[in-house]
Amino acid sequence: PPEPANTFLQEVLAGSGIFGTINLTPMLMFTP
């Protein structure tokens, strides 16, 4: 992992090399 002080590398990796994920549970749907 990048050093805590190496903010440049962290910004380079953000969104491409490292990213966040979320889990969703669909409850309802609507189809016109």
PDB file of all heavy atoms in Angstrom:
ATOM      1  N   PRO A   1       0.826  -1.211   0.000  1.00  0.00           N
ATOM      2  CA  PRO A   1       0.000   0.000   0.000  1.00  0.00           C
ATOM      3  C   PRO A   1       0.857   1.256   0.000  1.00  0.00           C
ATOM      4  O   PRO A   1       2.002   1.230   0.448  1.00  0.00           O
ATOM      5  CB  PRO A   1      -0.805  -0.121   1.303  1.00  0.00           C
ATOM      6  CG  PRO A   1       0.066  -0.934   2.196  1.00  0.00           C
ATOM      7  CD  PRO A   1       0.779  -1.908   1.296  1.00  0.00           C
ATOM      8  N   PRO A   2       0.310   2.367  -0.491  1.00  0.00           N
ATOM      9  CA  PRO A   2       1.077   3.619  -0.499  1.00  0.00           C
ATOM     10  C   PRO A   2       1.303   4.139   0.923  1.00  0.00           C
ATOM     11  O   PRO A   2       0.522   3.859   1.834  1.00  0.00           O
ATOM     12  CB  PRO A   2       0.197   4.568  -1.304  1.00  0.00           C
ATOM     13  CG  PRO A   2      -1.178   4.005  -1.202  1.00  0.00           C
ATOM     14  CD  PRO A   2      -1.002   2.519  -1.114  1.00  0.00           C
ATOM     15  N   GLU A   3       2.360   4.882   1.108  1.00  0.00           N
ATOM     16  CA  GLU A   3       2.650   5.485   2.404  1.00  0.00           C
ATOM     17  C   GLU A   3       1.561   6.499   2.761  1.00  0.00           C
ATOM     18  O   GLU A   3       0.993   7.156   1.859  1.00  0.00           O
ATOM     19  CB  GLU A   3       4.010   6.176   2.367  1.00  0.00           C
ATOM     20  CG  GLU A   3       5.193   5.250   2.170  1.00  0.00           C
ATOM     21  CD  GLU A   3       5.398   4.348   3.375  1.00  0.00           C
ATOM     22  OE1 GLU A   3       5.011   4.752   4.491  1.00  0.00           O
ATOM     23  OE2 GLU A   3       5.918   3.233   3.190  1.00  0.00           O
ATOM     24  N   PRO A   4       1.278   6.657   4.054  1.00  0.00           N
ATOM     25  CA  PRO A   4       0.256   7.646   4.444  1.00  0.00           C
ATOM     26  C   PRO A   4       0.549   9.053   3.944  1.00  0.00           C
ATOM     27  O   PRO A   4      -0.372   9.804   3.623  1.00  0.00           O
ATOM     28  CB  PRO A   4       0.291   7.579   5.975  1.00  0.00           C
ATOM     29  CG  PRO A   4       0.812   6.219   6.289  1.00  0.00           C
ATOM     30  CD  PRO A   4       1.785   5.887   5.189  1.00  0.00           C
ATOM     31  N   ALA A   5       1.834   9.394   3.830  1.00  0.00           N
ATOM     32  CA  ALA A   5       2.184  10.744   3.387  1.00  0.00           C
ATOM     33  C   ALA A   5       2.141  10.898   1.876  1.00  0.00           C
ATOM     34  O   ALA A   5       2.172  12.027   1.359  1.00  0.00           O
ATOM     35  CB  ALA A   5       3.580  11.113   3.903  1.00  0.00           C
ATOM     36  N   ASN A   6       2.063   9.789   1.168  1.00  0.00           N
ATOM     37  CA  ASN A   6       2.087   9.842  -0.298  1.00  0.00           C
ATOM     38  C   ASN A   6       0.666  10.051  -0.831  1.00  0.00           C
ATOM     39  O   ASN A   6       0.030   9.148  -1.378  1.00  0.00           O
ATOM     40  CB  ASN A   6       2.689   8.553  -0.849  1.00  0.00           C
ATOM     41  CG  ASN A   6       3.015   8.650  -2.332  1.00  0.00           C
ATOM     42  OD1 ASN A   6       2.604   9.591  -3.011  1.00  0.00           O
ATOM     43  ND2 ASN A   6       3.764   7.674  -2.838  1.00  0.00           N
ATOM     44  N   THR A   7       0.165  11.243  -0.674  1.00  0.00           N
ATOM     45  CA  THR A   7      -1.206  11.539  -1.094  1.00  0.00           C
ATOM     46  C   THR A   7      -1.354  11.507  -2.614  1.00  0.00           C
ATOM     47  O   THR A   7      -2.439  11.226  -3.129  1.00  0.00           O
ATOM     48  CB  THR A   7      -1.643  12.917  -0.572  1.00  0.00           C
ATOM     49  OG1 THR A   7      -0.711  13.910  -1.035  1.00  0.00           O
ATOM     50  CG2 THR A   7      -1.658  12.930   0.954  1.00  0.00           C
ATOM     51  N   PHE A   8      -0.259  11.809  -3.339  1.00  0.00           N
ATOM     52  CA  PHE A   8      -0.334  11.782  -4.809  1.00  0.00           C
ATOM     53  C   PHE A   8      -0.679  10.389  -5.320  1.00  0.00           C
ATOM     54  O   PHE A   8      -1.574  10.214  -6.158  1.00  0.00           O
ATOM     55  CB  PHE A   8       1.005  12.253  -5.403  1.00  0.00           C
ATOM     56  CG  PHE A   8       1.043  12.144  -6.901  1.00  0.00           C
ATOM     57  CD1 PHE A   8       0.340  13.035  -7.709  1.00  0.00           C
ATOM     58  CD2 PHE A   8       1.751  11.115  -7.524  1.00  0.00           C
ATOM     59  CE1 PHE A   8       0.367  12.923  -9.095  1.00  0.00           C
ATOM     60  CE2 PHE A   8       1.780  10.998  -8.908  1.00  0.00           C
ATOM     61  CZ  PHE A   8       1.081  11.912  -9.694  1.00  0.00           C
ATOM     62  N   LEU A   9       0.025   9.359  -4.797  1.00  0.00           N
ATOM     63  CA  LEU A   9      -0.242   7.990  -5.228  1.00  0.00           C
ATOM     64  C   LEU A   9      -1.642   7.545  -4.813  1.00  0.00           C
ATOM     65  O   LEU A   9      -2.327   6.825  -5.559  1.00  0.00           O
ATOM     66  CB  LEU A   9       0.813   7.049  -4.653  1.00  0.00           C
ATOM     67  CG  LEU A   9       0.698   5.567  -5.060  1.00  0.00           C
ATOM     68  CD1 LEU A   9       0.686   5.433  -6.585  1.00  0.00           C
ATOM     69  CD2 LEU A   9       1.829   4.744  -4.449  1.00  0.00           C
ATOM     70  N   GLN A  10      -2.068   7.973  -3.634  1.00  0.00           N
ATOM     71  CA  GLN A  10      -3.423   7.626  -3.195  1.00  0.00           C
ATOM     72  C   GLN A  10      -4.472   8.198  -4.132  1.00  0.00           C
ATOM     73  O   GLN A  10      -5.460   7.545  -4.464  1.00  0.00           O
ATOM     74  CB  GLN A  10      -3.654   8.147  -1.764  1.00  0.00           C
ATOM     75  CG  GLN A  10      -2.802   7.460  -0.705  1.00  0.00           C
ATOM     76  CD  GLN A  10      -3.044   8.039   0.677  1.00  0.00           C
ATOM     77  OE1 GLN A  10      -4.116   8.562   0.957  1.00  0.00           O
ATOM     78  NE2 GLN A  10      -2.042   7.945   1.536  1.00  0.00           N
ATOM     79  N   GLU A  11      -4.232   9.432  -4.592  1.00  0.00           N
ATOM     80  CA  GLU A  11      -5.186  10.050  -5.511  1.00  0.00           C
ATOM     81  C   GLU A  11      -5.160   9.372  -6.881  1.00  0.00           C
ATOM     82  O   GLU A  11      -6.187   9.270  -7.558  1.00  0.00           O
ATOM     83  CB  GLU A  11      -4.864  11.538  -5.656  1.00  0.00           C
ATOM     84  CG  GLU A  11      -5.143  12.332  -4.382  1.00  0.00           C
ATOM     85  CD  GLU A  11      -4.693  13.780  -4.501  1.00  0.00           C
ATOM     86  OE1 GLU A  11      -4.135  14.133  -5.577  1.00  0.00           O
ATOM     87  OE2 GLU A  11      -4.897  14.537  -3.537  1.00  0.00           O
ATOM     88  N   VAL A  12      -3.980   8.913  -7.304  1.00  0.00           N
ATOM     89  CA  VAL A  12      -3.876   8.204  -8.569  1.00  0.00           C
ATOM     90  C   VAL A  12      -4.652   6.893  -8.534  1.00  0.00           C
ATOM     91  O   VAL A  12      -5.358   6.517  -9.485  1.00  0.00           O
ATOM     92  CB  VAL A  12      -2.394   7.950  -8.929  1.00  0.00           C
ATOM     93  CG1 VAL A  12      -2.278   6.994 -10.111  1.00  0.00           C
ATOM     94  CG2 VAL A  12      -1.687   9.255  -9.233  1.00  0.00           C
ATOM     95  N   LEU A  13      -4.533   6.189  -7.413  1.00  0.00           N
ATOM     96  CA  LEU A  13      -5.212   4.892  -7.287  1.00  0.00           C
ATOM     97  C   LEU A  13      -6.714   5.022  -7.063  1.00  0.00           C
ATOM     98  O   LEU A  13      -7.480   4.119  -7.419  1.00  0.00           O
ATOM     99  CB  LEU A  13      -4.599   4.106  -6.118  1.00  0.00           C
ATOM    100  CG  LEU A  13      -3.152   3.631  -6.293  1.00  0.00           C
ATOM    101  CD1 LEU A  13      -2.643   3.007  -4.997  1.00  0.00           C
ATOM    102  CD2 LEU A  13      -3.050   2.621  -7.433  1.00  0.00           C
ATOM    103  N   ALA A  14      -7.148   6.127  -6.454  1.00  0.00           N
ATOM    104  CA  ALA A  14      -8.559   6.287  -6.088  1.00  0.00           C
ATOM    105  C   ALA A  14      -9.448   6.195  -7.316  1.00  0.00           C
ATOM    106  O   ALA A  14      -9.238   6.892  -8.318  1.00  0.00           O
ATOM    107  CB  ALA A  14      -8.775   7.619  -5.381  1.00  0.00           C
ATOM    108  N   GLY A  15     -10.424   5.341  -7.252  1.00  0.00           N
ATOM    109  CA  GLY A  15     -11.405   5.204  -8.321  1.00  0.00           C
ATOM    110  C   GLY A  15     -11.021   4.206  -9.384  1.00  0.00           C
ATOM    111  O   GLY A  15     -11.885   3.738 -10.128  1.00  0.00           O
ATOM    112  N   SER A  16      -9.742   3.867  -9.484  1.00  0.00           N
ATOM    113  CA  SER A  16      -9.317   2.885 -10.481  1.00  0.00           C
ATOM    114  C   SER A  16      -8.722   1.659  -9.795  1.00  0.00           C
ATOM    115  O   SER A  16      -9.255   0.556  -9.896  1.00  0.00           O
ATOM    116  CB  SER A  16      -8.310   3.514 -11.442  1.00  0.00           C
ATOM    117  OG  SER A  16      -7.196   4.039 -10.723  1.00  0.00           O
ATOM    118  N   GLY A  17      -7.628   1.869  -9.073  1.00  0.00           N
ATOM    119  CA  GLY A  17      -7.025   0.739  -8.354  1.00  0.00           C
ATOM    120  C   GLY A  17      -7.744   0.413  -7.068  1.00  0.00           C
ATOM    121  O   GLY A  17      -7.824  -0.750  -6.665  1.00  0.00           O
ATOM    122  N   ILE A  18      -8.259   1.430  -6.404  1.00  0.00           N
ATOM    123  CA  ILE A  18      -9.021   1.225  -5.162  1.00  0.00           C
ATOM    124  C   ILE A  18     -10.365   1.938  -5.307  1.00  0.00           C
ATOM    125  O   ILE A  18     -10.451   2.997  -5.921  1.00  0.00           O
ATOM    126  CB  ILE A  18      -8.260   1.747  -3.927  1.00  0.00           C
ATOM    127  CG1 ILE A  18      -7.900   3.231  -4.100  1.00  0.00           C
ATOM    128  CG2 ILE A  18      -7.018   0.919  -3.658  1.00  0.00           C
ATOM    129  CD1 ILE A  18      -7.237   3.839  -2.888  1.00  0.00           C
ATOM    130  N   PHE A  19     -11.394   1.356  -4.755  1.00  0.00           N
ATOM    131  CA  PHE A  19     -12.734   1.929  -4.906  1.00  0.00           C
ATOM    132  C   PHE A  19     -13.652   1.354  -3.828  1.00  0.00           C
ATOM    133  O   PHE A  19     -13.315   0.389  -3.141  1.00  0.00           O
ATOM    134  CB  PHE A  19     -13.303   1.634  -6.297  1.00  0.00           C
ATOM    135  CG  PHE A  19     -13.226   0.181  -6.692  1.00  0.00           C
ATOM    136  CD1 PHE A  19     -14.250  -0.698  -6.386  1.00  0.00           C
ATOM    137  CD2 PHE A  19     -12.102  -0.317  -7.361  1.00  0.00           C
ATOM    138  CE1 PHE A  19     -14.175  -2.038  -6.739  1.00  0.00           C
ATOM    139  CE2 PHE A  19     -12.019  -1.654  -7.721  1.00  0.00           C
ATOM    140  CZ  PHE A  19     -13.056  -2.525  -7.401  1.00  0.00           C
ATOM    141  N   GLY A  20     -14.808   1.959  -3.687  1.00  0.00           N
ATOM    142  CA  GLY A  20     -15.800   1.480  -2.729  1.00  0.00           C
ATOM    143  C   GLY A  20     -16.921   0.727  -3.425  1.00  0.00           C
ATOM    144  O   GLY A  20     -17.238   0.995  -4.595  1.00  0.00           O
ATOM    145  N   THR A  21     -17.498  -0.223  -2.712  1.00  0.00           N
ATOM    146  CA  THR A  21     -18.665  -0.943  -3.222  1.00  0.00           C
ATOM    147  C   THR A  21     -19.765  -0.916  -2.174  1.00  0.00           C
ATOM    148  O   THR A  21     -19.501  -0.792  -0.967  1.00  0.00           O
ATOM    149  CB  THR A  21     -18.339  -2.399  -3.577  1.00  0.00           C
ATOM    150  OG1 THR A  21     -17.977  -3.106  -2.379  1.00  0.00           O
ATOM    151  CG2 THR A  21     -17.211  -2.486  -4.585  1.00  0.00           C
ATOM    152  N   ILE A  22     -20.981  -1.028  -2.623  1.00  0.00           N
ATOM    153  CA  ILE A  22     -22.134  -1.108  -1.726  1.00  0.00           C
ATOM    154  C   ILE A  22     -23.016  -2.263  -2.167  1.00  0.00           C
ATOM    155  O   ILE A  22     -23.027  -2.636  -3.342  1.00  0.00           O
ATOM    156  CB  ILE A  22     -22.948   0.212  -1.700  1.00  0.00           C
ATOM    157  CG1 ILE A  22     -23.430   0.583  -3.109  1.00  0.00           C
ATOM    158  CG2 ILE A  22     -22.131   1.330  -1.086  1.00  0.00           C
ATOM    159  CD1 ILE A  22     -24.301   1.830  -3.154  1.00  0.00           C
ATOM    160  N   ASN A  23     -23.729  -2.832  -1.227  1.00  0.00           N
ATOM    161  CA  ASN A  23     -24.695  -3.892  -1.511  1.00  0.00           C
ATOM    162  C   ASN A  23     -26.107  -3.338  -1.374  1.00  0.00           C
ATOM    163  O   ASN A  23     -26.426  -2.672  -0.378  1.00  0.00           O
ATOM    164  CB  ASN A  23     -24.508  -5.069  -0.550  1.00  0.00           C
ATOM    165  CG  ASN A  23     -23.223  -5.828  -0.812  1.00  0.00           C
ATOM    166  OD1 ASN A  23     -22.639  -5.718  -1.888  1.00  0.00           O
ATOM    167  ND2 ASN A  23     -22.772  -6.587   0.166  1.00  0.00           N
ATOM    168  N   LEU A  24     -26.923  -3.618  -2.355  1.00  0.00           N
ATOM    169  CA  LEU A  24     -28.308  -3.157  -2.355  1.00  0.00           C
ATOM    170  C   LEU A  24     -29.253  -4.349  -2.365  1.00  0.00           C
ATOM    171  O   LEU A  24     -28.984  -5.358  -3.018  1.00  0.00           O
ATOM    172  CB  LEU A  24     -28.595  -2.289  -3.586  1.00  0.00           C
ATOM    173  CG  LEU A  24     -27.713  -1.065  -3.825  1.00  0.00           C
ATOM    174  CD1 LEU A  24     -28.200  -0.322  -5.066  1.00  0.00           C
ATOM    175  CD2 LEU A  24     -27.721  -0.147  -2.622  1.00  0.00           C
ATOM    176  N   THR A  25     -30.360  -4.199  -1.660  1.00  0.00           N
ATOM    177  CA  THR A  25     -31.434  -5.190  -1.710  1.00  0.00           C
ATOM    178  C   THR A  25     -32.638  -4.574  -2.405  1.00  0.00           C
ATOM    179  O   THR A  25     -33.275  -3.665  -1.849  1.00  0.00           O
ATOM    180  CB  THR A  25     -31.834  -5.657  -0.299  1.00  0.00           C
ATOM    181  OG1 THR A  25     -30.699  -6.231   0.347  1.00  0.00           O
ATOM    182  CG2 THR A  25     -32.954  -6.686  -0.363  1.00  0.00           C
ATOM    183  N   PRO A  26     -32.966  -4.990  -3.629  1.00  0.00           N
ATOM    184  CA  PRO A  26     -34.152  -4.448  -4.307  1.00  0.00           C
ATOM    185  C   PRO A  26     -35.429  -4.856  -3.561  1.00  0.00           C
ATOM    186  O   PRO A  26     -35.603  -6.013  -3.185  1.00  0.00           O
ATOM    187  CB  PRO A  26     -34.101  -5.083  -5.699  1.00  0.00           C
ATOM    188  CG  PRO A  26     -32.683  -5.537  -5.870  1.00  0.00           C
ATOM    189  CD  PRO A  26     -32.218  -5.920  -4.497  1.00  0.00           C
ATOM    190  N   MET A  27     -36.301  -3.885  -3.340  1.00  0.00           N
ATOM    191  CA  MET A  27     -37.538  -4.121  -2.600  1.00  0.00           C
ATOM    192  C   MET A  27     -38.780  -4.016  -3.476  1.00  0.00           C
ATOM    193  O   MET A  27     -39.730  -4.770  -3.325  1.00  0.00           O
ATOM    194  CB  MET A  27     -37.649  -3.127  -1.445  1.00  0.00           C
ATOM    195  CG  MET A  27     -36.526  -3.215  -0.431  1.00  0.00           C
ATOM    196  SD  MET A  27     -36.566  -4.788   0.476  1.00  0.00           S
ATOM    197  CE  MET A  27     -35.177  -4.559   1.591  1.00  0.00           C
ATOM    198  N   LEU A  28     -38.767  -3.065  -4.407  1.00  0.00           N
ATOM    199  CA  LEU A  28     -39.909  -2.845  -5.295  1.00  0.00           C
ATOM    200  C   LEU A  28     -39.384  -2.458  -6.670  1.00  0.00           C
ATOM    201  O   LEU A  28     -38.245  -1.986  -6.807  1.00  0.00           O
ATOM    202  CB  LEU A  28     -40.813  -1.726  -4.769  1.00  0.00           C
ATOM    203  CG  LEU A  28     -41.574  -1.973  -3.470  1.00  0.00           C
ATOM    204  CD1 LEU A  28     -42.190  -0.669  -2.979  1.00  0.00           C
ATOM    205  CD2 LEU A  28     -42.634  -3.034  -3.631  1.00  0.00           C
ATOM    206  N   MET A  29     -40.216  -2.627  -7.670  1.00  0.00           N
ATOM    207  CA  MET A  29     -39.841  -2.207  -9.018  1.00  0.00           C
ATOM    208  C   MET A  29     -41.047  -1.579  -9.709  1.00  0.00           C
ATOM    209  O   MET A  29     -42.202  -1.817  -9.336  1.00  0.00           O
ATOM    210  CB  MET A  29     -39.305  -3.382  -9.839  1.00  0.00           C
ATOM    211  CG  MET A  29     -40.284  -4.516 -10.068  1.00  0.00           C
ATOM    212  SD  MET A  29     -39.577  -5.885 -10.995  1.00  0.00           S
ATOM    213  CE  MET A  29     -39.403  -5.126 -12.603  1.00  0.00           C
ATOM    214  N   PHE A  30     -40.751  -0.767 -10.708  1.00  0.00           N
ATOM    215  CA  PHE A  30     -41.796  -0.105 -11.475  1.00  0.00           C
ATOM    216  C   PHE A  30     -41.438  -0.184 -12.950  1.00  0.00           C
ATOM    217  O   PHE A  30     -40.337   0.200 -13.358  1.00  0.00           O
ATOM    218  CB  PHE A  30     -41.932   1.355 -11.041  1.00  0.00           C
ATOM    219  CG  PHE A  30     -42.662   2.214 -12.040  1.00  0.00           C
ATOM    220  CD1 PHE A  30     -44.027   2.084 -12.205  1.00  0.00           C
ATOM    221  CD2 PHE A  30     -41.981   3.149 -12.804  1.00  0.00           C
ATOM    222  CE1 PHE A  30     -44.703   2.861 -13.130  1.00  0.00           C
ATOM    223  CE2 PHE A  30     -42.653   3.942 -13.729  1.00  0.00           C
ATOM    224  CZ  PHE A  30     -44.018   3.796 -13.889  1.00  0.00           C
ATOM    225  N   THR A  31     -42.345  -0.712 -13.752  1.00  0.00           N
ATOM    226  CA  THR A  31     -42.137  -0.812 -15.193  1.00  0.00           C
ATOM    227  C   THR A  31     -43.262  -0.070 -15.897  1.00  0.00           C
ATOM    228  O   THR A  31     -44.436  -0.443 -15.770  1.00  0.00           O
ATOM    229  CB  THR A  31     -42.134  -2.286 -15.652  1.00  0.00           C
ATOM    230  OG1 THR A  31     -41.133  -3.002 -14.937  1.00  0.00           O
ATOM    231  CG2 THR A  31     -41.847  -2.375 -17.141  1.00  0.00           C
ATOM    232  N   PRO A  32     -42.980   1.005 -16.614  1.00  0.00           N
ATOM    233  CA  PRO A  32     -44.034   1.760 -17.299  1.00  0.00           C
ATOM    234  C   PRO A  32     -44.743   0.904 -18.344  1.00  0.00           C
ATOM    235  O   PRO A  32     -44.161  -0.038 -18.900  1.00  0.00           O
ATOM    236  CB  PRO A  32     -43.279   2.919 -17.963  1.00  0.00           C
ATOM    237  CG  PRO A  32     -41.975   3.000 -17.242  1.00  0.00           C
ATOM    238  CD  PRO A  32     -41.654   1.609 -16.811  1.00  0.00           C
TER     239      PRO A  32
END
